[in-house]
Amino acid sequence: MTTLSTALAHDDPTPHTDPADVLAIAVDDELRARELLLAGLRLGRKRSVELDDAAIVSQGRNGKPRITQTRGTNPGTGAWLGAWWGSLLGLFFFGGLGMLVAGAAGGVAGWLWTRRNDAGIEDPWMKALADRMMPGEAAVVFQMRNVYPTHLIQELRRFEGRVLANGVDAADPVAVRAALDEAI
């Protein structure tokens, strides 16, 4: 297995297609990615950054990208919630048959709504990000604004990793890379 320190030599510059306000950092494994995610959420709670969205991206065992969102609703959950509320309202207003019809309609509406209104970091971009990762790596993707750069850099010094994307204006790319290079 390739170590992360040797992978840093293969660090590509950030493509111009990366979204604004997004910082993506690859680390050794998914457990370390969860620790980095918690550190970012802690920065958000302290108001050192405003986090709009965050996710962990990794390769699944079948080779397909696996995305773990922290916010938002996936289409399956949207369908379930739509069906539940549709059934409840259908039962209340129209009885048993209304419950079935409104539940089915609510499920379809909930699925369509969440499918069209994916808030936060776009899933196709995160899937493309997974293709740029090395086997065994996991990446944390933050969508943030109003960043206090010194707080962010101080927190990143705890983690060894490589930058996959940096579209955050306040996060100087050289300082972010240096912080990840001098991890404790």
Protein backbone atom coordinates (compact mmCIF):
# COMPACT_ATOMS: atom_id res chain seq x y z
CA MET A 1 0.00 0.00 0.00
CA THR A 2 1.25 3.45 -0.85
CA THR A 3 1.81 5.67 2.14
CA LEU A 4 0.37 9.13 2.25
CA SER A 5 3.80 10.75 2.41
CA THR A 6 4.75 9.21 -0.96
CA ALA A 7 1.36 10.18 -2.36
CA LEU A 8 2.09 13.83 -1.61
CA ALA A 9 4.65 13.82 -4.40
CA HIS A 10 1.80 13.05 -6.83
CA ASP A 11 -0.28 15.96 -5.59
CA ASP A 12 -1.90 17.61 -8.60
CA PRO A 13 -2.74 21.30 -8.68
CA THR A 14 -6.38 22.14 -8.14
CA PRO A 15 -8.29 22.00 -11.44
CA HIS A 16 -10.17 25.13 -12.44
CA THR A 17 -13.42 23.15 -12.51
CA ASP A 18 -13.62 22.81 -8.73
CA PRO A 19 -16.54 24.64 -7.14
CA ALA A 20 -16.01 27.82 -5.16
CA ASP A 21 -16.00 27.65 -1.37
CA VAL A 22 -15.01 23.95 -1.37
CA LEU A 23 -11.99 22.44 0.35
CA ALA A 24 -11.32 18.72 -0.20
CA ILE A 25 -8.58 16.90 1.72
CA ALA A 26 -7.61 13.26 1.24
CA VAL A 27 -6.36 11.30 4.27
CA ASP A 28 -5.14 7.73 4.87
CA ASP A 29 -8.46 6.06 5.68
CA GLU A 30 -12.10 6.64 6.48
CA LEU A 31 -11.57 6.74 10.26
CA ARG A 32 -9.09 9.60 9.90
CA ALA A 33 -11.54 11.29 7.50
CA ARG A 34 -14.22 11.13 10.19
CA GLU A 35 -11.81 12.77 12.66
CA LEU A 36 -11.14 15.55 10.14
CA LEU A 37 -14.87 15.97 9.57
CA LEU A 38 -15.43 16.32 13.31
CA ALA A 39 -12.63 18.92 13.48
CA GLY A 40 -14.34 20.90 10.71
CA LEU A 41 -17.71 20.66 12.44
CA ARG A 42 -16.06 21.89 15.65
CA LEU A 43 -14.70 24.90 13.74
CA GLY A 44 -18.23 25.57 12.54
CA ARG A 45 -19.62 25.37 16.06
CA LYS A 46 -16.96 27.85 17.24
CA ARG A 47 -17.98 30.13 14.33
CA SER A 48 -14.46 30.00 12.89
CA VAL A 49 -16.06 28.96 9.59
CA GLU A 50 -19.60 28.81 8.24
CA LEU A 51 -20.13 25.27 6.98
CA ASP A 52 -22.79 24.97 4.31
CA ASP A 53 -22.18 21.28 3.68
CA ALA A 54 -19.66 18.53 4.36
CA ALA A 55 -19.20 14.99 3.10
CA ILE A 56 -16.82 12.05 3.17
CA VAL A 57 -15.91 10.54 -0.19
CA SER A 58 -14.26 7.13 -0.55
CA GLN A 59 -14.11 4.20 -2.92
CA GLY A 60 -16.52 1.38 -2.12
CA ARG A 61 -15.43 -2.25 -2.23
CA ASN A 62 -17.02 -2.56 -5.66
CA GLY A 63 -14.86 0.29 -7.00
CA LYS A 64 -17.72 2.76 -7.11
CA PRO A 65 -17.51 6.08 -5.23
CA ARG A 66 -19.19 6.14 -1.83
CA ILE A 67 -20.45 9.49 -0.57
CA THR A 68 -21.53 10.03 3.03
CA GLN A 69 -23.41 13.32 3.31
CA THR A 70 -23.79 15.21 6.56
CA ARG A 71 -26.68 17.36 5.39
CA GLY A 72 -29.49 17.13 2.94
CA THR A 73 -31.85 14.34 2.11
CA ASN A 74 -31.32 11.54 -0.36
CA PRO A 75 -34.12 10.50 -2.77
CA GLY A 76 -34.94 7.35 -0.77
CA THR A 77 -35.50 9.32 2.42
CA GLY A 78 -37.46 11.95 0.49
CA ALA A 79 -39.73 9.24 -0.94
CA TRP A 80 -40.28 7.71 2.49
CA LEU A 81 -41.09 11.07 4.10
CA GLY A 82 -43.37 12.04 1.20
CA ALA A 83 -45.23 8.72 1.44
CA TRP A 84 -45.61 9.04 5.20
CA TRP A 85 -46.98 12.59 5.09
CA GLY A 86 -49.14 11.80 2.05
CA SER A 87 -50.60 8.76 3.80
CA LEU A 88 -51.29 10.73 6.95
CA LEU A 89 -53.02 13.57 5.11
CA GLY A 90 -54.88 11.14 2.81
CA LEU A 91 -56.18 9.19 5.79
CA PHE A 92 -57.23 12.34 7.59
CA PHE A 93 -59.11 13.89 4.66
CA PHE A 94 -60.25 10.95 2.52
CA GLY A 95 -60.15 7.77 4.61
CA GLY A 96 -58.49 4.44 3.80
CA LEU A 97 -58.43 4.68 0.00
CA GLY A 98 -57.20 8.28 0.19
CA MET A 99 -54.38 7.11 2.42
CA LEU A 100 -53.13 4.70 -0.26
CA VAL A 101 -53.46 7.13 -3.15
CA ALA A 102 -52.01 10.14 -1.31
CA GLY A 103 -49.23 7.96 0.15
CA ALA A 104 -48.17 6.81 -3.31
CA ALA A 105 -48.40 10.33 -4.72
CA GLY A 106 -46.48 11.74 -1.75
CA GLY A 107 -43.75 9.12 -2.16
CA VAL A 108 -43.26 9.98 -5.83
CA ALA A 109 -43.36 13.72 -5.09
CA GLY A 110 -40.82 13.36 -2.26
CA TRP A 111 -38.49 11.32 -4.46
CA LEU A 112 -38.71 13.82 -7.32
CA TRP A 113 -38.25 16.83 -5.04
CA THR A 114 -35.11 15.51 -3.35
CA ARG A 115 -33.73 14.30 -6.67
CA ARG A 116 -34.06 17.79 -8.20
CA ASN A 117 -33.08 19.82 -5.12
CA ASP A 118 -29.74 18.35 -4.08
CA ALA A 119 -28.45 21.16 -1.88
CA GLY A 120 -24.80 21.64 -1.10
CA ILE A 121 -21.88 20.01 -2.86
CA GLU A 122 -22.90 18.41 -6.15
CA ASP A 123 -22.77 14.62 -6.19
CA PRO A 124 -21.34 14.33 -9.75
CA TRP A 125 -18.40 16.52 -8.72
CA MET A 126 -17.76 14.37 -5.64
CA LYS A 127 -17.88 11.21 -7.78
CA ALA A 128 -15.28 12.76 -10.10
CA LEU A 129 -13.22 13.64 -7.02
CA ALA A 130 -13.22 9.98 -5.98
CA ASP A 131 -11.60 9.11 -9.31
CA ARG A 132 -8.64 11.36 -8.40
CA MET A 133 -8.10 9.52 -5.11
CA MET A 134 -5.66 6.71 -4.41
CA PRO A 135 -6.92 3.28 -3.28
CA GLY A 136 -7.63 3.20 0.45
CA GLU A 137 -7.89 6.97 0.79
CA ALA A 138 -10.93 8.85 2.00
CA ALA A 139 -11.52 12.54 1.44
CA VAL A 140 -13.40 15.11 3.46
CA VAL A 141 -15.13 17.77 1.41
CA PHE A 142 -16.13 21.01 3.13
CA GLN A 143 -18.25 23.74 1.57
CA MET A 144 -17.53 26.78 3.72
CA ARG A 145 -17.56 30.56 3.79
CA ASN A 146 -16.49 33.30 6.18
CA VAL A 147 -13.35 31.40 7.07
CA TYR A 148 -10.91 32.56 9.75
CA PRO A 149 -7.76 31.28 8.02
CA THR A 150 -5.59 31.10 11.15
CA HIS A 151 -8.15 28.89 12.92
CA LEU A 152 -8.46 26.61 9.88
CA ILE A 153 -4.70 26.27 9.43
CA GLN A 154 -4.18 25.60 13.13
CA GLU A 155 -6.74 22.77 13.02
CA LEU A 156 -5.32 21.28 9.81
CA ARG A 157 -1.86 20.97 11.40
CA ARG A 158 -3.22 17.96 13.30
CA PHE A 159 -3.80 15.99 10.09
CA GLU A 160 -1.51 14.53 7.47
CA GLY A 161 -3.16 14.63 4.07
CA ARG A 162 -3.17 16.08 0.61
CA VAL A 163 -5.33 18.77 -0.93
CA LEU A 164 -7.58 17.54 -3.73
CA ALA A 165 -9.44 20.83 -4.22
CA ASN A 166 -9.24 24.29 -2.69
CA GLY A 167 -11.74 26.86 -3.89
CA VAL A 168 -11.94 28.70 -0.55
CA ASP A 169 -10.66 32.25 -1.08
CA ALA A 170 -9.55 32.74 2.54
CA ALA A 171 -7.64 29.44 2.65
CA ASP A 172 -4.25 30.18 1.07
CA PRO A 173 -3.31 27.04 -0.90
CA VAL A 174 0.34 27.23 0.16
CA ALA A 175 -0.57 27.60 3.86
CA VAL A 176 -3.08 24.72 3.69
CA ARG A 177 -0.54 22.39 2.05
CA ALA A 178 2.14 23.42 4.55
CA ALA A 179 -0.19 22.74 7.48
CA LEU A 180 -0.94 19.25 6.19
CA ASP A 181 2.76 18.60 5.54
CA GLU A 182 3.77 19.50 9.11
CA ALA A 183 1.14 17.33 10.76
CA ILE A 184 1.80 16.44 14.38
